[in-house]
N, C-alpha and C. Protein backbone atom coordinates (compact mmCIF):
# COMPACT_ATOMS: atom_id res chain seq x y z
N MET A 1 9.93 -40.25 2.84
CA MET A 1 9.44 -41.37 2.25
C MET A 1 10.46 -41.91 1.14
N ASN A 2 11.06 -42.80 0.84
CA ASN A 2 11.93 -43.15 -0.19
C ASN A 2 11.17 -43.62 -1.31
N SER A 3 11.49 -43.33 -2.55
CA SER A 3 10.79 -43.77 -3.72
C SER A 3 11.81 -44.18 -4.93
N THR A 4 11.51 -45.20 -5.75
CA THR A 4 12.32 -45.48 -6.74
C THR A 4 11.90 -44.63 -7.85
N PHE A 5 12.86 -43.90 -8.51
CA PHE A 5 12.61 -43.08 -9.66
C PHE A 5 13.55 -43.35 -10.87
N ARG A 6 12.96 -43.68 -12.07
CA ARG A 6 14.00 -43.90 -13.20
C ARG A 6 13.36 -43.38 -14.39
N ILE A 7 14.31 -43.09 -15.21
CA ILE A 7 13.88 -42.37 -16.69
C ILE A 7 14.63 -43.16 -17.64
N LEU A 8 13.79 -43.73 -18.46
CA LEU A 8 14.49 -44.52 -19.68
C LEU A 8 14.02 -43.78 -21.00
N PHE A 9 15.08 -43.77 -21.84
CA PHE A 9 14.56 -43.47 -23.31
C PHE A 9 14.91 -44.60 -24.16
N TYR A 10 13.92 -45.03 -25.00
CA TYR A 10 14.08 -46.13 -25.92
C TYR A 10 13.57 -45.69 -27.20
N ALA A 11 14.00 -46.52 -28.30
CA ALA A 11 13.28 -46.30 -29.59
C ALA A 11 12.10 -47.40 -29.80
N ARG A 12 11.09 -46.84 -30.44
CA ARG A 12 10.00 -47.63 -30.82
C ARG A 12 10.30 -48.14 -32.12
N TRP A 13 10.83 -49.31 -32.19
CA TRP A 13 11.29 -49.91 -33.45
C TRP A 13 9.99 -50.16 -34.36
N GLN A 14 8.91 -50.52 -33.74
CA GLN A 14 7.76 -50.91 -34.71
C GLN A 14 7.23 -49.81 -35.39
N LYS A 15 7.41 -48.66 -34.98
CA LYS A 15 6.91 -47.32 -35.77
C LYS A 15 8.11 -46.70 -36.60
N ARG A 16 8.92 -47.55 -37.11
CA ARG A 16 9.97 -47.11 -38.16
C ARG A 16 9.45 -46.42 -39.26
N LYS A 17 10.02 -45.23 -39.60
CA LYS A 17 9.66 -44.48 -40.69
C LYS A 17 10.29 -44.79 -41.91
N ALA A 18 9.83 -44.33 -43.20
CA ALA A 18 10.43 -44.77 -44.43
C ALA A 18 11.74 -44.32 -44.44
N ASN A 19 12.05 -43.13 -43.76
CA ASN A 19 13.43 -42.39 -43.88
C ASN A 19 14.50 -43.14 -43.11
N GLY A 20 14.11 -44.23 -42.32
CA GLY A 20 15.12 -45.06 -41.63
C GLY A 20 15.14 -44.42 -40.09
N LYS A 21 14.27 -43.54 -39.66
CA LYS A 21 14.31 -43.04 -38.43
C LYS A 21 13.34 -43.65 -37.58
N VAL A 22 13.51 -43.66 -36.15
CA VAL A 22 12.59 -44.26 -35.13
C VAL A 22 12.22 -43.19 -34.13
N PRO A 23 11.14 -43.22 -33.68
CA PRO A 23 10.79 -42.35 -32.64
C PRO A 23 11.21 -42.72 -31.36
N ILE A 24 11.60 -41.76 -30.54
CA ILE A 24 12.10 -41.89 -29.18
C ILE A 24 11.21 -41.76 -28.13
N ILE A 25 11.06 -42.63 -27.31
CA ILE A 25 10.05 -42.68 -26.05
C ILE A 25 10.78 -42.50 -24.79
N ALA A 26 10.01 -41.78 -23.96
CA ALA A 26 10.59 -41.68 -22.60
C ALA A 26 9.55 -42.49 -21.59
N ARG A 27 10.19 -43.27 -20.81
CA ARG A 27 9.45 -43.92 -19.82
C ARG A 27 9.95 -43.44 -18.33
N ILE A 28 8.93 -43.13 -17.59
CA ILE A 28 9.24 -42.77 -16.17
C ILE A 28 8.64 -43.64 -15.49
N THR A 29 9.51 -44.27 -14.43
CA THR A 29 9.04 -45.30 -13.54
C THR A 29 9.13 -44.80 -12.08
N ILE A 30 8.13 -44.64 -11.32
CA ILE A 30 8.11 -44.25 -9.84
C ILE A 30 7.47 -45.47 -9.22
N ASN A 31 8.07 -46.06 -8.23
CA ASN A 31 7.56 -47.03 -7.31
C ASN A 31 7.03 -48.13 -8.06
N GLY A 32 7.53 -48.45 -9.26
CA GLY A 32 6.91 -49.52 -10.18
C GLY A 32 5.77 -49.16 -11.08
N ALA A 33 5.22 -47.97 -10.94
CA ALA A 33 4.25 -47.42 -11.73
C ALA A 33 4.95 -46.59 -12.91
N LYS A 34 4.38 -47.20 -14.29
CA LYS A 34 5.09 -46.65 -15.37
C LYS A 34 4.18 -45.81 -16.28
N SER A 35 4.88 -44.60 -16.91
CA SER A 35 4.15 -43.91 -17.62
C SER A 35 5.05 -43.38 -18.74
N GLN A 36 4.72 -43.58 -19.98
CA GLN A 36 5.60 -43.25 -21.14
C GLN A 36 4.86 -42.29 -22.11
N PHE A 37 5.79 -41.65 -23.00
CA PHE A 37 5.25 -40.53 -23.95
C PHE A 37 6.17 -40.19 -24.91
N ASN A 38 5.86 -39.90 -26.12
CA ASN A 38 6.69 -39.68 -27.17
C ASN A 38 7.39 -38.20 -27.02
N LEU A 39 8.77 -38.26 -27.15
CA LEU A 39 9.49 -37.02 -26.94
C LEU A 39 9.51 -36.28 -28.41
N LYS A 40 8.76 -36.53 -29.31
CA LYS A 40 8.63 -35.92 -30.61
C LYS A 40 10.04 -35.72 -31.17
N ILE A 41 10.93 -36.77 -31.08
CA ILE A 41 12.26 -36.70 -31.74
C ILE A 41 12.42 -37.94 -32.42
N ASP A 42 13.00 -37.92 -33.73
CA ASP A 42 13.41 -39.14 -34.33
C ASP A 42 14.76 -39.22 -34.45
N VAL A 43 15.28 -40.46 -34.47
CA VAL A 43 16.81 -40.62 -34.52
C VAL A 43 16.97 -41.76 -35.52
N SER A 44 18.01 -41.75 -36.28
CA SER A 44 18.36 -42.79 -37.43
C SER A 44 18.63 -44.08 -36.39
N GLU A 45 18.09 -44.93 -36.90
CA GLU A 45 18.20 -46.36 -36.29
C GLU A 45 19.59 -46.88 -36.25
N LYS A 46 20.51 -46.36 -37.16
CA LYS A 46 21.93 -46.88 -37.34
C LYS A 46 22.66 -46.35 -36.02
N ILE A 47 22.24 -45.18 -35.56
CA ILE A 47 23.08 -44.58 -34.66
C ILE A 47 22.59 -44.65 -33.14
N TRP A 48 21.38 -45.26 -32.88
CA TRP A 48 20.72 -45.49 -31.61
C TRP A 48 21.22 -46.56 -31.06
N ASP A 49 21.58 -46.45 -29.67
CA ASP A 49 22.16 -47.56 -28.79
C ASP A 49 21.09 -47.88 -27.82
N PRO A 50 20.58 -49.07 -27.86
CA PRO A 50 19.62 -49.49 -26.97
C PRO A 50 20.16 -49.45 -25.54
N LYS A 51 21.29 -49.97 -25.36
CA LYS A 51 21.84 -50.17 -23.96
C LYS A 51 21.96 -48.81 -23.19
N SER A 52 22.33 -47.87 -23.88
CA SER A 52 22.80 -46.58 -23.16
C SER A 52 21.54 -45.59 -23.33
N GLY A 53 20.51 -45.81 -24.23
CA GLY A 53 19.44 -45.08 -24.42
C GLY A 53 19.87 -43.69 -24.97
N ARG A 54 21.00 -43.72 -25.87
CA ARG A 54 21.40 -42.39 -26.38
C ARG A 54 21.90 -42.67 -27.75
N ALA A 55 22.06 -41.75 -28.63
CA ALA A 55 22.59 -42.03 -29.93
C ALA A 55 24.17 -42.13 -29.87
N ILE A 56 24.90 -42.70 -30.64
CA ILE A 56 26.33 -42.94 -30.51
C ILE A 56 26.93 -42.30 -31.73
N GLY A 57 28.16 -41.94 -31.53
CA GLY A 57 28.89 -41.23 -32.66
C GLY A 57 29.04 -39.66 -32.57
N ASN A 58 29.59 -39.06 -33.40
CA ASN A 58 29.85 -37.66 -33.25
C ASN A 58 29.30 -36.89 -34.36
N SER A 59 28.28 -37.54 -35.04
CA SER A 59 27.57 -36.85 -36.12
C SER A 59 26.65 -35.66 -35.60
N LYS A 60 26.26 -34.83 -36.40
CA LYS A 60 25.51 -33.73 -36.01
C LYS A 60 24.28 -34.14 -35.47
N GLU A 61 23.53 -35.19 -36.12
CA GLU A 61 22.21 -35.83 -35.49
C GLU A 61 22.40 -36.35 -34.23
N ALA A 62 23.57 -37.12 -33.98
CA ALA A 62 23.74 -37.69 -32.71
C ALA A 62 24.00 -36.62 -31.64
N ILE A 63 24.82 -35.70 -31.89
CA ILE A 63 25.08 -34.68 -30.76
C ILE A 63 23.60 -33.98 -30.53
N GLU A 64 22.97 -33.33 -31.58
CA GLU A 64 21.61 -32.66 -31.43
C GLU A 64 20.76 -33.60 -30.47
N SER A 65 20.61 -34.99 -30.93
CA SER A 65 19.69 -35.86 -30.28
C SER A 65 19.95 -36.14 -28.90
N ASN A 66 21.32 -36.17 -28.62
CA ASN A 66 21.72 -36.35 -27.06
C ASN A 66 21.61 -35.07 -26.26
N ARG A 67 21.85 -34.14 -27.03
CA ARG A 67 21.62 -32.87 -26.23
C ARG A 67 20.11 -32.46 -25.89
N TYR A 68 19.34 -32.98 -26.79
CA TYR A 68 17.83 -32.86 -26.47
C TYR A 68 17.35 -33.70 -25.28
N LEU A 69 18.04 -35.11 -25.35
CA LEU A 69 17.67 -36.14 -24.38
C LEU A 69 18.28 -35.64 -23.17
N ASN A 70 19.33 -35.02 -23.10
CA ASN A 70 19.92 -34.59 -21.81
C ASN A 70 19.08 -33.56 -21.25
N THR A 71 18.58 -32.60 -21.99
CA THR A 71 17.88 -31.35 -21.54
C THR A 71 16.39 -31.94 -21.03
N ALA A 72 15.85 -33.06 -21.81
CA ALA A 72 14.68 -33.68 -21.31
C ALA A 72 14.72 -34.35 -19.78
N TYR A 73 15.93 -34.98 -19.72
CA TYR A 73 16.18 -35.73 -18.74
C TYR A 73 16.28 -34.85 -17.33
N GLY A 74 17.00 -33.67 -17.63
CA GLY A 74 17.30 -32.55 -16.51
C GLY A 74 16.00 -32.05 -16.14
N SER A 75 15.25 -31.78 -17.22
CA SER A 75 13.87 -31.22 -16.91
C SER A 75 12.81 -32.05 -16.09
N LEU A 76 12.97 -33.39 -16.28
CA LEU A 76 12.17 -34.40 -15.42
C LEU A 76 12.62 -34.43 -14.21
N VAL A 77 13.79 -34.48 -13.92
CA VAL A 77 14.45 -34.56 -12.60
C VAL A 77 14.10 -33.34 -11.86
N GLN A 78 14.25 -32.14 -12.45
CA GLN A 78 13.66 -30.89 -11.84
C GLN A 78 12.30 -30.93 -11.43
N LYS A 79 11.45 -31.25 -12.44
CA LYS A 79 10.01 -31.31 -11.95
C LYS A 79 9.84 -32.42 -11.00
N TYR A 80 10.46 -33.35 -10.91
CA TYR A 80 10.24 -34.31 -9.95
C TYR A 80 10.52 -33.66 -8.45
N ARG A 81 11.78 -32.99 -8.38
CA ARG A 81 12.10 -32.45 -7.11
C ARG A 81 11.17 -31.44 -6.74
N ILE A 82 10.66 -30.62 -7.76
CA ILE A 82 9.69 -29.43 -7.32
C ILE A 82 8.40 -30.06 -6.75
N LEU A 83 7.91 -31.25 -7.61
CA LEU A 83 6.80 -31.78 -6.94
C LEU A 83 7.00 -32.48 -5.56
N ALA A 84 8.15 -33.09 -5.33
CA ALA A 84 8.40 -33.71 -3.87
C ALA A 84 8.63 -32.66 -2.92
N GLU A 85 9.13 -31.51 -3.23
CA GLU A 85 9.43 -30.51 -2.31
C GLU A 85 8.04 -29.86 -1.74
N ARG A 86 7.12 -29.95 -2.67
CA ARG A 86 5.66 -29.31 -2.44
C ARG A 86 5.01 -30.30 -1.39
N GLY A 87 5.53 -31.52 -1.18
CA GLY A 87 4.96 -32.52 -0.38
C GLY A 87 3.92 -33.30 -1.06
N GLU A 88 4.02 -33.28 -2.35
CA GLU A 88 2.83 -34.09 -3.15
C GLU A 88 3.48 -35.32 -3.26
N VAL A 89 2.47 -36.48 -3.40
CA VAL A 89 2.84 -37.85 -3.65
C VAL A 89 3.10 -37.79 -5.32
N VAL A 90 4.46 -38.09 -5.43
CA VAL A 90 4.68 -37.84 -6.86
C VAL A 90 4.41 -39.27 -7.78
N THR A 91 3.68 -39.42 -8.58
CA THR A 91 3.38 -40.64 -9.60
C THR A 91 3.99 -40.37 -10.87
N ALA A 92 4.02 -41.36 -11.56
CA ALA A 92 4.70 -41.28 -12.93
C ALA A 92 3.70 -40.38 -13.79
N SER A 93 2.34 -40.63 -13.59
CA SER A 93 1.57 -39.93 -14.57
C SER A 93 1.45 -38.46 -14.26
N LEU A 94 1.59 -38.12 -12.91
CA LEU A 94 1.71 -36.61 -12.37
C LEU A 94 2.79 -36.04 -12.99
N LEU A 95 3.93 -36.82 -12.98
CA LEU A 95 5.40 -36.27 -13.49
C LEU A 95 5.12 -35.97 -14.99
N LYS A 96 4.73 -36.83 -15.64
CA LYS A 96 4.35 -36.76 -16.99
C LYS A 96 3.64 -35.62 -17.48
N ASP A 97 2.42 -35.41 -16.84
CA ASP A 97 1.70 -34.35 -17.09
C ASP A 97 2.20 -32.95 -16.69
N SER A 98 3.06 -33.07 -15.63
CA SER A 98 3.82 -31.81 -15.28
C SER A 98 4.95 -31.37 -16.40
N PHE A 99 5.41 -32.36 -16.97
CA PHE A 99 6.57 -32.24 -17.99
C PHE A 99 5.88 -31.77 -19.18
N LEU A 100 4.64 -32.30 -19.59
CA LEU A 100 4.12 -31.92 -20.76
C LEU A 100 3.18 -30.75 -20.80
N GLY A 101 3.01 -30.14 -19.61
CA GLY A 101 2.33 -29.07 -19.42
C GLY A 101 0.73 -29.23 -19.24
N ALA A 102 0.34 -30.43 -19.07
CA ALA A 102 -0.95 -30.76 -18.94
C ALA A 102 -1.74 -30.43 -17.48
N ASP A 103 -0.74 -30.10 -16.59
CA ASP A 103 -1.08 -29.71 -15.25
C ASP A 103 -1.53 -28.38 -15.07
N ILE A 104 -1.26 -27.63 -16.17
CA ILE A 104 -1.56 -26.10 -16.08
C ILE A 104 -3.11 -25.81 -16.31
N LYS A 105 -3.61 -25.01 -15.36
CA LYS A 105 -5.12 -24.86 -15.58
C LYS A 105 -5.23 -23.86 -16.84
N LYS A 106 -6.08 -24.28 -17.64
CA LYS A 106 -6.31 -23.42 -18.92
C LYS A 106 -7.66 -22.52 -18.73
N MET A 107 -7.48 -21.28 -18.84
CA MET A 107 -8.74 -20.49 -18.60
C MET A 107 -9.11 -19.77 -19.80
N THR A 108 -10.50 -19.88 -20.19
CA THR A 108 -11.03 -19.04 -21.25
C THR A 108 -11.17 -17.67 -20.81
N LEU A 109 -11.41 -16.74 -21.73
CA LEU A 109 -11.58 -15.28 -21.54
C LEU A 109 -12.78 -15.03 -20.73
N LEU A 110 -13.76 -15.75 -20.80
CA LEU A 110 -15.17 -15.55 -19.91
C LEU A 110 -14.68 -15.82 -18.52
N ASP A 111 -13.89 -16.92 -18.32
CA ASP A 111 -13.42 -17.39 -16.99
C ASP A 111 -12.59 -16.39 -16.34
N ALA A 112 -11.77 -15.79 -17.01
CA ALA A 112 -10.86 -14.60 -16.63
C ALA A 112 -11.60 -13.50 -16.17
N PHE A 113 -12.74 -13.00 -17.08
CA PHE A 113 -13.52 -12.00 -16.65
C PHE A 113 -14.28 -12.34 -15.20
N LYS A 114 -14.70 -13.55 -15.15
CA LYS A 114 -15.60 -13.85 -14.10
C LYS A 114 -14.71 -13.75 -12.75
N GLU A 115 -13.60 -14.42 -12.94
CA GLU A 115 -12.60 -14.27 -11.74
C GLU A 115 -12.38 -12.86 -11.34
N PHE A 116 -12.03 -12.13 -12.27
CA PHE A 116 -11.72 -10.69 -11.91
C PHE A 116 -12.84 -9.95 -11.50
N ASN A 117 -14.09 -10.27 -11.95
CA ASN A 117 -15.22 -9.60 -11.40
C ASN A 117 -15.64 -10.11 -9.81
N ASP A 118 -15.35 -11.43 -9.71
CA ASP A 118 -15.44 -11.91 -8.16
C ASP A 118 -14.46 -11.22 -7.25
N ILE A 119 -13.27 -11.01 -7.68
CA ILE A 119 -12.27 -10.51 -6.95
C ILE A 119 -12.62 -8.97 -6.46
N HIS A 120 -13.07 -8.31 -7.46
CA HIS A 120 -13.22 -6.98 -7.39
C HIS A 120 -14.57 -6.37 -7.25
N VAL A 121 -15.52 -7.28 -7.01
CA VAL A 121 -17.00 -6.94 -6.63
C VAL A 121 -17.17 -6.16 -5.30
N SER A 122 -16.38 -6.48 -4.28
CA SER A 122 -16.29 -5.82 -3.10
C SER A 122 -15.94 -4.42 -3.12
N ASP A 123 -14.77 -4.19 -4.03
CA ASP A 123 -14.39 -2.87 -4.30
C ASP A 123 -15.35 -1.92 -4.94
N ILE A 124 -16.07 -2.51 -5.77
CA ILE A 124 -17.17 -1.64 -6.56
C ILE A 124 -18.30 -1.37 -5.64
N VAL A 125 -18.71 -2.28 -4.82
CA VAL A 125 -19.86 -2.16 -3.93
C VAL A 125 -19.48 -1.01 -2.90
N GLU A 126 -18.46 -1.08 -2.21
CA GLU A 126 -17.98 -0.13 -1.18
C GLU A 126 -17.97 1.18 -1.76
N GLY A 127 -17.36 1.38 -2.87
CA GLY A 127 -17.14 2.63 -3.40
C GLY A 127 -18.29 3.32 -4.29
N TYR A 128 -19.42 2.67 -4.22
CA TYR A 128 -20.38 2.88 -5.30
C TYR A 128 -21.40 3.86 -4.56
N GLU A 129 -21.77 5.07 -5.33
CA GLU A 129 -22.79 6.01 -4.63
C GLU A 129 -23.80 5.97 -5.86
N THR A 130 -25.00 6.26 -5.27
CA THR A 130 -26.17 6.40 -6.31
C THR A 130 -26.14 7.88 -6.56
N VAL A 131 -26.17 8.34 -7.87
CA VAL A 131 -26.21 9.59 -8.19
C VAL A 131 -27.49 9.67 -9.16
N GLU A 132 -28.22 10.75 -9.03
CA GLU A 132 -29.41 11.02 -9.84
C GLU A 132 -29.06 12.23 -10.78
N VAL A 133 -29.50 11.99 -11.90
CA VAL A 133 -28.91 13.09 -12.83
C VAL A 133 -30.47 13.66 -13.30
N LYS A 134 -30.62 15.14 -13.14
CA LYS A 134 -31.68 15.72 -13.56
C LYS A 134 -31.50 16.53 -14.83
N ARG A 135 -32.48 16.51 -15.77
CA ARG A 135 -32.34 17.42 -16.85
C ARG A 135 -33.17 18.54 -16.77
């Protein structure tokens, strides 16, 4: 099944900070469904190019920002391919959660003990012998 997949980086001009920087947002669009999230990177509004979705110039800030955006883009494409190869129906929110790590099952210590005991209870029962101790 073919699907449309697009990644867009844009500046959220309404959230301009006092130092003249704007936060960069990533928008994922898959088959018309959109999901967006903050990339936790701020770029000076003077060097941001809305058409290209990248910082322009050769300043240190522009080079570092573009490197970060290229890494995020590559990671999103890689996660998309992994999810598609698994045979899952890839949605924009699923890809966002995968990128942000929200799809990873978090386990408490008690859950880990319970899972361990459930796996190894048969080993204990089979090898267990009753022993009486006399004094």
